[in-house]
């Protein structure tokens, strides 16, 4: 049984998640990580994009493929950015009833609740209760690029949770939103000592890593 299955917005997110998981276990566990959503064997970037995106993450989590994945995958990692959380079908507001902006922790909790409800509605409470302990949520506030800023910045920008794509490009140089380039810009996280030092600087990355650690997973 493969250790991790990745359900994410795109191949670039797969690359970041893989490098983080490798750094956490301080071992090349690439063979223990399987991309489930989107497909990575598409023939071109346009085809990959067609099957990617935040909407496809929700769609996958209500599909038979999602249900079947638990037969061969020990833990499913579900990744999604919160930058578009207020769009139709995502429907998670970034503010409370008084209009106050939610903290990253509060926003993540609401997004996770959205997924839990969606999965429970799709497959029933019995199935949900059986698999929920095997789901790890990687909710990136506001986007997964924010998780990479601590690699490239030493000032307060390293803790940014907005405009992170722009800020990352300012320091990491020219790169495209694909698996190969994001593998390169996130490769420092493959080093356990680097990851341990930097992950507490970003609140949503910290929550993801701690949610993995609490599972006491052994490769």
C-alpha atoms as a PDB file:
ATOM      1  CA  UNK A   1       0.000   0.000   0.000  1.00  0.00           C
ATOM      2  CA  UNK A   2       1.433   3.374  -1.047  1.00  0.00           C
ATOM      3  CA  UNK A   3       1.948   5.777   1.845  1.00  0.00           C
ATOM      4  CA  UNK A   4       0.644   9.058   0.386  1.00  0.00           C
ATOM      5  CA  UNK A   5      -1.760   9.973  -2.407  1.00  0.00           C
ATOM      6  CA  UNK A   6      -1.866  13.617  -3.486  1.00  0.00           C
ATOM      7  CA  UNK A   7      -5.079  15.405  -4.416  1.00  0.00           C
ATOM      8  CA  UNK A   8      -4.136  18.933  -5.436  1.00  0.00           C
ATOM      9  CA  UNK A   9      -4.920  21.828  -7.740  1.00  0.00           C
ATOM     10  CA  UNK A  10      -2.052  21.089 -10.105  1.00  0.00           C
ATOM     11  CA  UNK A  11       1.291  19.349 -10.733  1.00  0.00           C
ATOM     12  CA  UNK A  12       3.158  22.371  -9.347  1.00  0.00           C
ATOM     13  CA  UNK A  13       1.444  21.753  -6.007  1.00  0.00           C
ATOM     14  CA  UNK A  14       2.404  18.071  -6.212  1.00  0.00           C
ATOM     15  CA  UNK A  15       6.054  19.097  -6.485  1.00  0.00           C
ATOM     16  CA  UNK A  16       5.912  21.284  -3.381  1.00  0.00           C
ATOM     17  CA  UNK A  17       4.061  18.674  -1.337  1.00  0.00           C
ATOM     18  CA  UNK A  18       6.459  15.917  -2.374  1.00  0.00           C
ATOM     19  CA  UNK A  19       9.528  17.924  -1.381  1.00  0.00           C
ATOM     20  CA  UNK A  20       7.984  18.823   1.967  1.00  0.00           C
ATOM     21  CA  UNK A  21       7.110  15.199   2.718  1.00  0.00           C
ATOM     22  CA  UNK A  22      10.605  14.069   1.733  1.00  0.00           C
ATOM     23  CA  UNK A  23      12.084  16.706   4.045  1.00  0.00           C
ATOM     24  CA  UNK A  24       9.811  15.692   6.902  1.00  0.00           C
ATOM     25  CA  UNK A  25      10.918  12.071   6.776  1.00  0.00           C
ATOM     26  CA  UNK A  26      14.507  13.006   5.847  1.00  0.00           C
ATOM     27  CA  UNK A  27      14.463  10.252   3.274  1.00  0.00           C
ATOM     28  CA  UNK A  28      13.639  10.027  -0.418  1.00  0.00           C
ATOM     29  CA  UNK A  29      10.161   8.544  -0.157  1.00  0.00           C
ATOM     30  CA  UNK A  30       9.255   9.472  -3.742  1.00  0.00           C
ATOM     31  CA  UNK A  31       8.156   5.894  -4.429  1.00  0.00           C
ATOM     32  CA  UNK A  32       5.711   6.198  -1.530  1.00  0.00           C
ATOM     33  CA  UNK A  33       3.956   9.248  -3.023  1.00  0.00           C
ATOM     34  CA  UNK A  34       1.358   8.900  -5.777  1.00  0.00           C
ATOM     35  CA  UNK A  35      -0.323  11.821  -7.601  1.00  0.00           C
ATOM     36  CA  UNK A  36      -4.062  11.168  -7.811  1.00  0.00           C
ATOM     37  CA  UNK A  37      -5.473  14.518  -8.923  1.00  0.00           C
ATOM     38  CA  UNK A  38      -4.752  15.961 -11.434  1.00  0.00           C
ATOM     39  CA  UNK A  39      -3.262  13.322 -13.686  1.00  0.00           C
ATOM     40  CA  UNK A  40       0.432  13.763 -14.387  1.00  0.00           C
ATOM     41  CA  UNK A  41       0.712  11.604 -17.490  1.00  0.00           C
ATOM     42  CA  UNK A  42      -1.163  14.055 -19.698  1.00  0.00           C
ATOM     43  CA  UNK A  43       0.495  14.805 -23.004  1.00  0.00           C
ATOM     44  CA  UNK A  44       0.667  18.570 -22.617  1.00  0.00           C
ATOM     45  CA  UNK A  45       0.166  21.431 -20.170  1.00  0.00           C
ATOM     46  CA  UNK A  46      -3.232  22.374 -21.635  1.00  0.00           C
ATOM     47  CA  UNK A  47      -4.555  18.892 -20.954  1.00  0.00           C
ATOM     48  CA  UNK A  48      -3.179  18.954 -17.407  1.00  0.00           C
ATOM     49  CA  UNK A  49      -4.828  22.320 -16.737  1.00  0.00           C
ATOM     50  CA  UNK A  50      -8.143  20.982 -18.028  1.00  0.00           C
ATOM     51  CA  UNK A  51      -8.139  18.369 -15.276  1.00  0.00           C
ATOM     52  CA  UNK A  52      -6.704  20.636 -12.575  1.00  0.00           C
ATOM     53  CA  UNK A  53      -7.829  23.624 -10.539  1.00  0.00           C
ATOM     54  CA  UNK A  54      -9.579  24.068  -7.215  1.00  0.00           C
ATOM     55  CA  UNK A  55     -12.990  22.976  -8.526  1.00  0.00           C
ATOM     56  CA  UNK A  56     -11.525  19.657  -9.655  1.00  0.00           C
ATOM     57  CA  UNK A  57     -10.218  19.058  -6.129  1.00  0.00           C
ATOM     58  CA  UNK A  58     -13.749  19.214  -4.730  1.00  0.00           C
ATOM     59  CA  UNK A  59     -15.052  17.172  -7.652  1.00  0.00           C
ATOM     60  CA  UNK A  60     -12.464  14.450  -7.107  1.00  0.00           C
ATOM     61  CA  UNK A  61     -13.312  14.254  -3.399  1.00  0.00           C
ATOM     62  CA  UNK A  62     -16.884  13.320  -4.338  1.00  0.00           C
ATOM     63  CA  UNK A  63     -15.903  10.795  -7.012  1.00  0.00           C
ATOM     64  CA  UNK A  64     -15.651   7.018  -7.076  1.00  0.00           C
ATOM     65  CA  UNK A  65     -11.909   7.432  -7.704  1.00  0.00           C
ATOM     66  CA  UNK A  66     -11.625   9.121  -4.298  1.00  0.00           C
ATOM     67  CA  UNK A  67     -13.468   6.282  -2.597  1.00  0.00           C
ATOM     68  CA  UNK A  68     -11.419   3.634  -4.395  1.00  0.00           C
ATOM     69  CA  UNK A  69      -8.107   5.345  -3.568  1.00  0.00           C
ATOM     70  CA  UNK A  70      -8.301   4.212   0.053  1.00  0.00           C
ATOM     71  CA  UNK A  71      -7.876   0.616  -1.111  1.00  0.00           C
ATOM     72  CA  UNK A  72      -4.297   1.275  -2.231  1.00  0.00           C
ATOM     73  CA  UNK A  73      -3.294   4.507  -0.460  1.00  0.00           C
ATOM     74  CA  UNK A  74      -2.682   4.795   3.268  1.00  0.00           C
ATOM     75  CA  UNK A  75      -3.084   8.585   3.569  1.00  0.00           C
ATOM     76  CA  UNK A  76      -4.692  11.066   1.178  1.00  0.00           C
ATOM     77  CA  UNK A  77      -3.279  14.586   1.216  1.00  0.00           C
ATOM     78  CA  UNK A  78      -5.844  17.121  -0.004  1.00  0.00           C
ATOM     79  CA  UNK A  79      -4.374  20.469  -1.078  1.00  0.00           C
ATOM     80  CA  UNK A  80      -6.228  23.628  -2.021  1.00  0.00           C
ATOM     81  CA  UNK A  81      -5.456  27.369  -1.973  1.00  0.00           C
ATOM     82  CA  UNK A  82      -7.751  29.797  -0.177  1.00  0.00           C
ATOM     83  CA  UNK A  83      -7.231  32.731  -2.542  1.00  0.00           C
ATOM     84  CA  UNK A  84     -10.493  31.914  -4.346  1.00  0.00           C
ATOM     85  CA  UNK A  85     -12.393  30.542  -1.355  1.00  0.00           C
ATOM     86  CA  UNK A  86     -15.253  33.023  -1.782  1.00  0.00           C
ATOM     87  CA  UNK A  87     -16.007  31.978  -5.364  1.00  0.00           C
ATOM     88  CA  UNK A  88     -19.189  30.082  -6.217  1.00  0.00           C
ATOM     89  CA  UNK A  89     -19.000  26.355  -5.359  1.00  0.00           C
ATOM     90  CA  UNK A  90     -16.107  26.992  -2.945  1.00  0.00           C
ATOM     91  CA  UNK A  91     -18.254  29.301  -0.818  1.00  0.00           C
ATOM     92  CA  UNK A  92     -16.012  29.855   2.202  1.00  0.00           C
ATOM     93  CA  UNK A  93     -15.935  33.459   3.349  1.00  0.00           C
ATOM     94  CA  UNK A  94     -12.692  35.005   4.568  1.00  0.00           C
ATOM     95  CA  UNK A  95     -14.506  37.146   7.119  1.00  0.00           C
ATOM     96  CA  UNK A  96     -16.721  36.435  10.109  1.00  0.00           C
ATOM     97  CA  UNK A  97     -20.298  37.636  10.600  1.00  0.00           C
ATOM     98  CA  UNK A  98     -19.047  41.036  11.749  1.00  0.00           C
ATOM     99  CA  UNK A  99     -16.863  41.446   8.674  1.00  0.00           C
ATOM    100  CA  UNK A 100     -13.610  40.834  10.533  1.00  0.00           C
ATOM    101  CA  UNK A 101     -10.952  39.002   8.534  1.00  0.00           C
ATOM    102  CA  UNK A 102     -10.447  35.429   9.673  1.00  0.00           C
ATOM    103  CA  UNK A 103      -7.044  34.327  10.892  1.00  0.00           C
ATOM    104  CA  UNK A 104      -5.295  31.662   8.796  1.00  0.00           C
ATOM    105  CA  UNK A 105      -6.174  29.113  11.468  1.00  0.00           C
ATOM    106  CA  UNK A 106      -9.857  30.061  11.401  1.00  0.00           C
ATOM    107  CA  UNK A 107     -10.012  30.065   7.603  1.00  0.00           C
ATOM    108  CA  UNK A 108      -8.337  26.669   7.392  1.00  0.00           C
ATOM    109  CA  UNK A 109     -10.825  25.239   9.872  1.00  0.00           C
ATOM    110  CA  UNK A 110     -13.733  26.485   7.749  1.00  0.00           C
ATOM    111  CA  UNK A 111     -12.255  25.038   4.553  1.00  0.00           C
ATOM    112  CA  UNK A 112     -11.668  21.679   6.228  1.00  0.00           C
ATOM    113  CA  UNK A 113     -15.256  21.701   7.490  1.00  0.00           C
ATOM    114  CA  UNK A 114     -16.376  22.315   3.894  1.00  0.00           C
ATOM    115  CA  UNK A 115     -14.474  19.250   2.706  1.00  0.00           C
ATOM    116  CA  UNK A 116     -15.726  17.101   5.565  1.00  0.00           C
ATOM    117  CA  UNK A 117     -19.332  18.006   4.818  1.00  0.00           C
ATOM    118  CA  UNK A 118     -18.864  17.411   1.091  1.00  0.00           C
ATOM    119  CA  UNK A 119     -17.267  13.988   1.597  1.00  0.00           C
ATOM    120  CA  UNK A 120     -19.866  12.962   4.164  1.00  0.00           C
ATOM    121  CA  UNK A 121     -22.719  14.005   1.871  1.00  0.00           C
ATOM    122  CA  UNK A 122     -21.214  12.153  -1.082  1.00  0.00           C
ATOM    123  CA  UNK A 123     -20.476   8.834   0.617  1.00  0.00           C
ATOM    124  CA  UNK A 124     -22.393   8.767   3.888  1.00  0.00           C
ATOM    125  CA  UNK A 125     -21.352   9.050   7.514  1.00  0.00           C
ATOM    126  CA  UNK A 126     -20.231   5.434   7.842  1.00  0.00           C
ATOM    127  CA  UNK A 127     -17.625   5.724   5.078  1.00  0.00           C
ATOM    128  CA  UNK A 128     -16.580   9.201   6.257  1.00  0.00           C
ATOM    129  CA  UNK A 129     -15.998   8.009   9.831  1.00  0.00           C
ATOM    130  CA  UNK A 130     -13.959   5.087   8.515  1.00  0.00           C
ATOM    131  CA  UNK A 131     -11.523   7.173   6.423  1.00  0.00           C
ATOM    132  CA  UNK A 132     -11.328  10.639   7.981  1.00  0.00           C
ATOM    133  CA  UNK A 133      -8.282   9.691  10.076  1.00  0.00           C
ATOM    134  CA  UNK A 134      -6.517   8.829   6.805  1.00  0.00           C
ATOM    135  CA  UNK A 135      -7.051  12.275   5.269  1.00  0.00           C
ATOM    136  CA  UNK A 136      -4.482  15.050   5.764  1.00  0.00           C
ATOM    137  CA  UNK A 137      -5.489  18.543   4.700  1.00  0.00           C
ATOM    138  CA  UNK A 138      -2.923  20.880   3.136  1.00  0.00           C
ATOM    139  CA  UNK A 139      -4.848  24.157   3.054  1.00  0.00           C
ATOM    140  CA  UNK A 140      -2.529  26.893   1.802  1.00  0.00           C
ATOM    141  CA  UNK A 141      -3.345  30.470   2.817  1.00  0.00           C
ATOM    142  CA  UNK A 142      -3.649  32.240   0.451  1.00  0.00           C
ATOM    143  CA  UNK A 143      -1.651  30.141  -2.031  1.00  0.00           C
ATOM    144  CA  UNK A 144       1.011  27.469  -1.879  1.00  0.00           C
ATOM    145  CA  UNK A 145       3.630  29.973  -3.045  1.00  0.00           C
ATOM    146  CA  UNK A 146       3.377  31.507   0.444  1.00  0.00           C
ATOM    147  CA  UNK A 147       4.843  28.298   1.832  1.00  0.00           C
ATOM    148  CA  UNK A 148       8.005  28.893  -0.204  1.00  0.00           C
ATOM    149  CA  UNK A 149       8.739  32.479   0.837  1.00  0.00           C
ATOM    150  CA  UNK A 150      10.734  31.477   3.964  1.00  0.00           C
ATOM    151  CA  UNK A 151      13.250  29.823   1.625  1.00  0.00           C
ATOM    152  CA  UNK A 152      13.937  33.093  -0.192  1.00  0.00           C
ATOM    153  CA  UNK A 153      13.303  35.884   2.317  1.00  0.00           C
ATOM    154  CA  UNK A 154      14.773  36.683   5.718  1.00  0.00           C
ATOM    155  CA  UNK A 155      12.748  39.845   6.415  1.00  0.00           C
ATOM    156  CA  UNK A 156       9.058  40.057   7.325  1.00  0.00           C
ATOM    157  CA  UNK A 157       8.040  39.071   3.780  1.00  0.00           C
ATOM    158  CA  UNK A 158       8.904  35.478   4.690  1.00  0.00           C
ATOM    159  CA  UNK A 159       5.685  35.406   6.733  1.00  0.00           C
ATOM    160  CA  UNK A 160       3.446  36.882   4.001  1.00  0.00           C
ATOM    161  CA  UNK A 161       0.095  35.291   3.217  1.00  0.00           C
ATOM    162  CA  UNK A 162      -0.895  37.437   0.226  1.00  0.00           C
ATOM    163  CA  UNK A 163       0.559  38.323  -3.192  1.00  0.00           C
ATOM    164  CA  UNK A 164       2.932  35.417  -2.655  1.00  0.00           C
ATOM    165  CA  UNK A 165       3.229  34.402  -6.298  1.00  0.00           C
ATOM    166  CA  UNK A 166       4.563  37.855  -7.147  1.00  0.00           C
ATOM    167  CA  UNK A 167       6.891  37.903  -4.142  1.00  0.00           C
ATOM    168  CA  UNK A 168       8.249  34.463  -4.962  1.00  0.00           C
ATOM    169  CA  UNK A 169       9.016  35.472  -8.542  1.00  0.00           C
ATOM    170  CA  UNK A 170      10.907  38.508  -7.256  1.00  0.00           C
ATOM    171  CA  UNK A 171      13.436  36.268  -5.496  1.00  0.00           C
ATOM    172  CA  UNK A 172      13.316  32.838  -7.099  1.00  0.00           C
ATOM    173  CA  UNK A 173      13.858  34.091 -10.623  1.00  0.00           C
ATOM    174  CA  UNK A 174      12.021  33.030 -13.744  1.00  0.00           C
ATOM    175  CA  UNK A 175       9.911  29.902 -13.451  1.00  0.00           C
ATOM    176  CA  UNK A 176       6.671  28.562 -14.857  1.00  0.00           C
ATOM    177  CA  UNK A 177       3.730  26.965 -13.062  1.00  0.00           C
ATOM    178  CA  UNK A 178       4.642  23.366 -13.793  1.00  0.00           C
ATOM    179  CA  UNK A 179       5.991  20.364 -11.912  1.00  0.00           C
ATOM    180  CA  UNK A 180       9.612  20.709 -13.017  1.00  0.00           C
ATOM    181  CA  UNK A 181       9.998  24.376 -12.078  1.00  0.00           C
ATOM    182  CA  UNK A 182       8.177  24.076  -8.748  1.00  0.00           C
ATOM    183  CA  UNK A 183      10.273  21.038  -7.885  1.00  0.00           C
ATOM    184  CA  UNK A 184      13.292  23.264  -8.379  1.00  0.00           C
ATOM    185  CA  UNK A 185      12.069  26.298  -6.405  1.00  0.00           C
ATOM    186  CA  UNK A 186      10.941  24.134  -3.472  1.00  0.00           C
ATOM    187  CA  UNK A 187      13.848  21.672  -3.405  1.00  0.00           C
ATOM    188  CA  UNK A 188      15.386  23.239  -0.262  1.00  0.00           C
ATOM    189  CA  UNK A 189      12.527  21.718   1.712  1.00  0.00           C
ATOM    190  CA  UNK A 190      13.919  18.273   0.895  1.00  0.00           C
ATOM    191  CA  UNK A 191      16.539  19.045   3.547  1.00  0.00           C
ATOM    192  CA  UNK A 192      15.074  18.150   6.914  1.00  0.00           C
ATOM    193  CA  UNK A 193      17.080  20.736   8.853  1.00  0.00           C
ATOM    194  CA  UNK A 194      15.950  23.525   6.508  1.00  0.00           C
ATOM    195  CA  UNK A 195      12.309  22.498   6.686  1.00  0.00           C
ATOM    196  CA  UNK A 196      12.350  22.243  10.491  1.00  0.00           C
ATOM    197  CA  UNK A 197      13.828  25.716  10.762  1.00  0.00           C
ATOM    198  CA  UNK A 198      11.510  27.425   8.272  1.00  0.00           C
ATOM    199  CA  UNK A 199       8.082  25.804   8.437  1.00  0.00           C
ATOM    200  CA  UNK A 200       6.969  27.578  11.655  1.00  0.00           C
ATOM    201  CA  UNK A 201       7.263  30.914   9.813  1.00  0.00           C
ATOM    202  CA  UNK A 202       4.149  30.267   7.725  1.00  0.00           C
ATOM    203  CA  UNK A 203       0.938  29.531   9.647  1.00  0.00           C
ATOM    204  CA  UNK A 204      -0.758  27.282   7.087  1.00  0.00           C
ATOM    205  CA  UNK A 205       2.430  25.333   6.330  1.00  0.00           C
ATOM    206  CA  UNK A 206       2.881  24.870  10.072  1.00  0.00           C
ATOM    207  CA  UNK A 207      -0.638  23.482  10.419  1.00  0.00           C
ATOM    208  CA  UNK A 208      -0.074  21.039   7.555  1.00  0.00           C
ATOM    209  CA  UNK A 209       3.230  19.754   8.898  1.00  0.00           C
ATOM    210  CA  UNK A 210       1.904  19.371  12.420  1.00  0.00           C
ATOM    211  CA  UNK A 211      -1.123  17.469  11.101  1.00  0.00           C
ATOM    212  CA  UNK A 212       1.264  15.009   9.429  1.00  0.00           C
ATOM    213  CA  UNK A 213       3.458  14.706  12.520  1.00  0.00           C
ATOM    214  CA  UNK A 214       0.532  13.904  14.795  1.00  0.00           C
ATOM    215  CA  UNK A 215      -0.200  10.812  12.693  1.00  0.00           C
ATOM    216  CA  UNK A 216       3.148   9.272  13.768  1.00  0.00           C
ATOM    217  CA  UNK A 217       3.623   7.912  10.267  1.00  0.00           C
ATOM    218  CA  UNK A 218       6.494   5.519   9.615  1.00  0.00           C
ATOM    219  CA  UNK A 219       7.564   5.056   5.968  1.00  0.00           C
END
